[in-house]
Protein backbone atom coordinates (compact mmCIF):
# COMPACT_ATOMS: atom_id res chain seq x y z
CA MET A 1 103.03 108.96 104.88
CA ASP A 2 99.03 108.85 105.41
CA ILE A 3 96.93 107.98 102.08
CA ARG A 4 93.69 108.66 102.57
CA LEU A 5 90.13 108.80 100.83
CA ASP A 6 89.63 112.35 99.92
CA ASP A 7 86.30 114.39 99.15
CA LEU A 8 87.79 116.85 97.05
CA LYS A 9 86.57 119.77 98.96
CA GLY A 10 89.89 120.70 100.77
CA SER A 11 91.47 124.24 99.34
CA GLU A 12 95.30 122.19 99.42
CA ILE A 13 93.47 119.50 96.87
CA ALA A 14 91.82 122.29 94.71
CA GLU A 15 95.05 123.86 94.53
CA LEU A 16 97.05 120.82 93.50
CA ILE A 17 94.36 119.88 91.19
CA GLY A 18 94.55 123.41 89.53
CA GLU A 19 98.29 123.18 89.57
CA HIS A 20 97.82 119.62 87.76
CA LEU A 21 95.24 121.32 84.80
CA HIS A 22 97.82 124.13 84.52
CA SER A 23 101.18 121.95 84.25
CA MET A 24 99.24 120.04 81.34
CA THR A 25 98.33 123.41 79.39
CA LEU A 26 102.12 123.84 79.51
CA HIS A 27 102.90 120.49 77.63
CA SER A 28 99.86 119.29 75.58
CA PRO A 29 97.30 120.75 72.99
CA PRO A 30 93.95 121.50 74.61
CA GLU A 31 92.42 118.43 72.42
CA SER A 32 95.04 115.63 73.86
CA ILE A 33 94.54 117.02 77.75
CA HIS A 34 92.82 114.27 79.34
CA ALA A 35 93.11 115.26 83.14
CA LEU A 36 89.95 116.02 85.32
CA ASP A 37 89.09 118.86 87.16
CA LEU A 38 87.38 118.70 90.68
CA GLU A 39 83.84 118.37 89.12
CA LYS A 40 84.54 115.19 86.91
CA LEU A 41 86.89 113.67 89.70
CA ARG A 42 83.79 113.46 91.79
CA GLN A 43 82.03 111.27 89.60
CA PRO A 44 80.96 107.86 91.16
CA ASP A 45 83.03 105.86 89.06
CA ILE A 46 86.00 107.63 90.54
CA THR A 47 87.79 107.04 93.78
CA PHE A 48 90.32 110.00 94.92
CA TRP A 49 93.12 109.40 97.71
CA SER A 50 95.33 112.22 98.85
CA ALA A 51 98.74 111.23 100.27
CA TRP A 52 99.89 113.64 103.81
CA GLU A 53 102.58 114.17 106.21
CA CYS A 54 100.93 115.55 109.36
CA SER A 55 99.00 118.78 107.84
CA GLU A 56 101.10 118.72 104.80
CA LEU A 57 99.77 117.63 101.46
CA LEU A 58 102.23 115.32 99.55
CA GLY A 59 100.39 114.18 96.36
CA CYS A 60 97.25 112.84 95.09
CA ALA A 61 96.02 109.89 92.83
CA ALA A 62 92.49 108.60 91.30
CA LEU A 63 91.19 105.06 90.06
CA LYS A 64 88.42 105.22 87.40
CA GLU A 65 86.29 102.12 87.06
CA LEU A 66 86.27 101.35 83.63
CA ASP A 67 84.34 98.21 84.04
CA PRO A 68 84.32 95.33 86.84
CA ARG A 69 87.48 94.03 85.52
CA HIS A 70 89.77 97.06 84.50
CA GLY A 71 90.45 100.54 86.14
CA GLU A 72 92.21 103.31 85.35
CA VAL A 73 94.73 105.51 86.66
CA LYS A 74 94.29 109.11 86.92
CA SER A 75 95.22 112.31 88.57
CA MET A 76 98.54 111.38 89.71
CA LYS A 77 100.30 114.38 90.98
CA THR A 78 102.94 114.99 93.51
CA SER A 79 103.45 118.37 95.27
CA PRO A 80 106.11 120.10 93.70
CA GLN A 81 107.63 120.65 96.72
CA HIS A 82 107.73 116.79 97.47
CA LEU A 83 108.91 115.60 94.23
CA ARG A 84 111.60 112.71 93.94
CA LYS A 85 110.89 111.64 97.63
CA GLY A 86 108.55 108.51 96.97
CA VAL A 87 105.36 110.09 96.85
CA ALA A 88 104.12 108.88 93.52
CA LYS A 89 105.47 105.19 94.12
CA GLN A 90 103.57 104.96 97.14
CA LEU A 91 100.33 106.50 95.44
CA LEU A 92 100.97 103.91 92.80
CA GLN A 93 101.31 101.16 94.56
CA HIS A 94 97.96 101.67 96.62
CA LEU A 95 96.22 102.38 93.37
CA ILE A 96 97.58 98.61 92.15
CA GLU A 97 96.75 97.21 95.48
CA GLU A 98 93.28 98.81 95.52
CA ALA A 99 92.75 97.78 92.06
CA LYS A 100 93.62 93.93 93.05
CA ARG A 101 91.30 94.31 96.13
CA ARG A 102 88.41 95.17 93.52
CA GLY A 103 89.19 91.95 91.67
CA TYR A 104 90.36 93.89 88.19
CA GLN A 105 92.38 91.95 86.11
CA ARG A 106 93.76 95.18 84.51
CA ILE A 107 94.97 98.92 85.48
CA SER A 108 95.53 101.14 82.40
CA LEU A 109 96.63 104.84 82.27
CA GLU A 110 97.30 107.75 79.49
CA THR A 111 100.00 110.10 79.92
CA GLY A 112 101.65 112.83 77.85
CA SER A 113 104.18 111.53 75.16
CA MET A 114 106.51 114.55 75.56
CA GLU A 115 109.86 114.83 77.44
CA ALA A 116 107.83 116.38 80.30
CA PHE A 117 106.44 112.80 81.06
CA GLU A 118 109.47 110.72 80.91
CA ALA A 119 109.72 110.58 84.67
CA ALA A 120 106.52 109.37 85.16
CA LYS A 121 106.66 106.71 81.97
CA ARG A 122 109.76 105.33 83.82
CA LEU A 123 107.82 105.10 86.84
CA TYR A 124 104.95 103.13 85.28
CA VAL A 125 107.32 100.98 83.46
CA GLN A 126 109.11 100.19 87.07
CA PHE A 127 106.19 98.94 88.33
CA GLY A 128 105.38 96.55 85.34
CA PHE A 129 103.41 98.74 83.17
CA THR A 130 103.76 98.01 79.04
CA TYR A 131 102.48 100.28 76.63
CA CYS A 132 99.38 99.32 74.58
CA GLU A 133 96.67 100.61 72.29
CA PRO A 134 94.29 103.06 73.26
CA PHE A 135 91.46 101.98 75.78
CA ALA A 136 88.18 102.67 76.62
CA ASP A 137 86.86 106.03 74.95
CA TYR A 138 90.71 107.03 73.81
CA LYS A 139 91.88 107.46 70.11
CA GLU A 140 95.24 107.51 68.69
CA ASP A 141 96.90 110.56 69.58
CA PRO A 142 100.76 111.41 68.82
CA ASN A 143 100.62 113.73 72.32
CA SER A 144 99.47 110.74 74.41
CA VAL A 145 100.92 106.99 75.28
CA PHE A 146 98.60 104.33 76.55
CA MET A 147 100.11 101.84 79.20
CA THR A 148 98.32 98.96 81.01
CA LYS A 149 99.31 96.34 83.56
CA GLU A 150 97.89 92.86 84.16
CA LEU A 151 97.04 91.97 87.79
């Protein structure tokens, strides 16, 4: 698997982000969707990576700098045809290593509270994330859970 910086200009990544946004609408009410579209992912405080095997897109993930000591996992998505192949694990490990390299002391995330997000929450727990209060600009929301990991 080749994990590389991505400029979000390719059609494959646009399609995957579109699928990600659509899947959020199936499981969360609009006011509880915190997934970012392509334009928001291009902001200077966000670094975006895609994972490839030859010319096939496997998944993507982003790291948003909240402050010089705190990062946020954004846009973790595995291509549907590559689920349960370890793509998300490798992407999450990449984000954690990058956060450490940047000197972050903590990395956090928001995900859904519904059944559709159980596999993601199990993955985060496996990597040492624990449940926490809302961080950054997030507010308490019954449709969201917040997790963090000290680095």
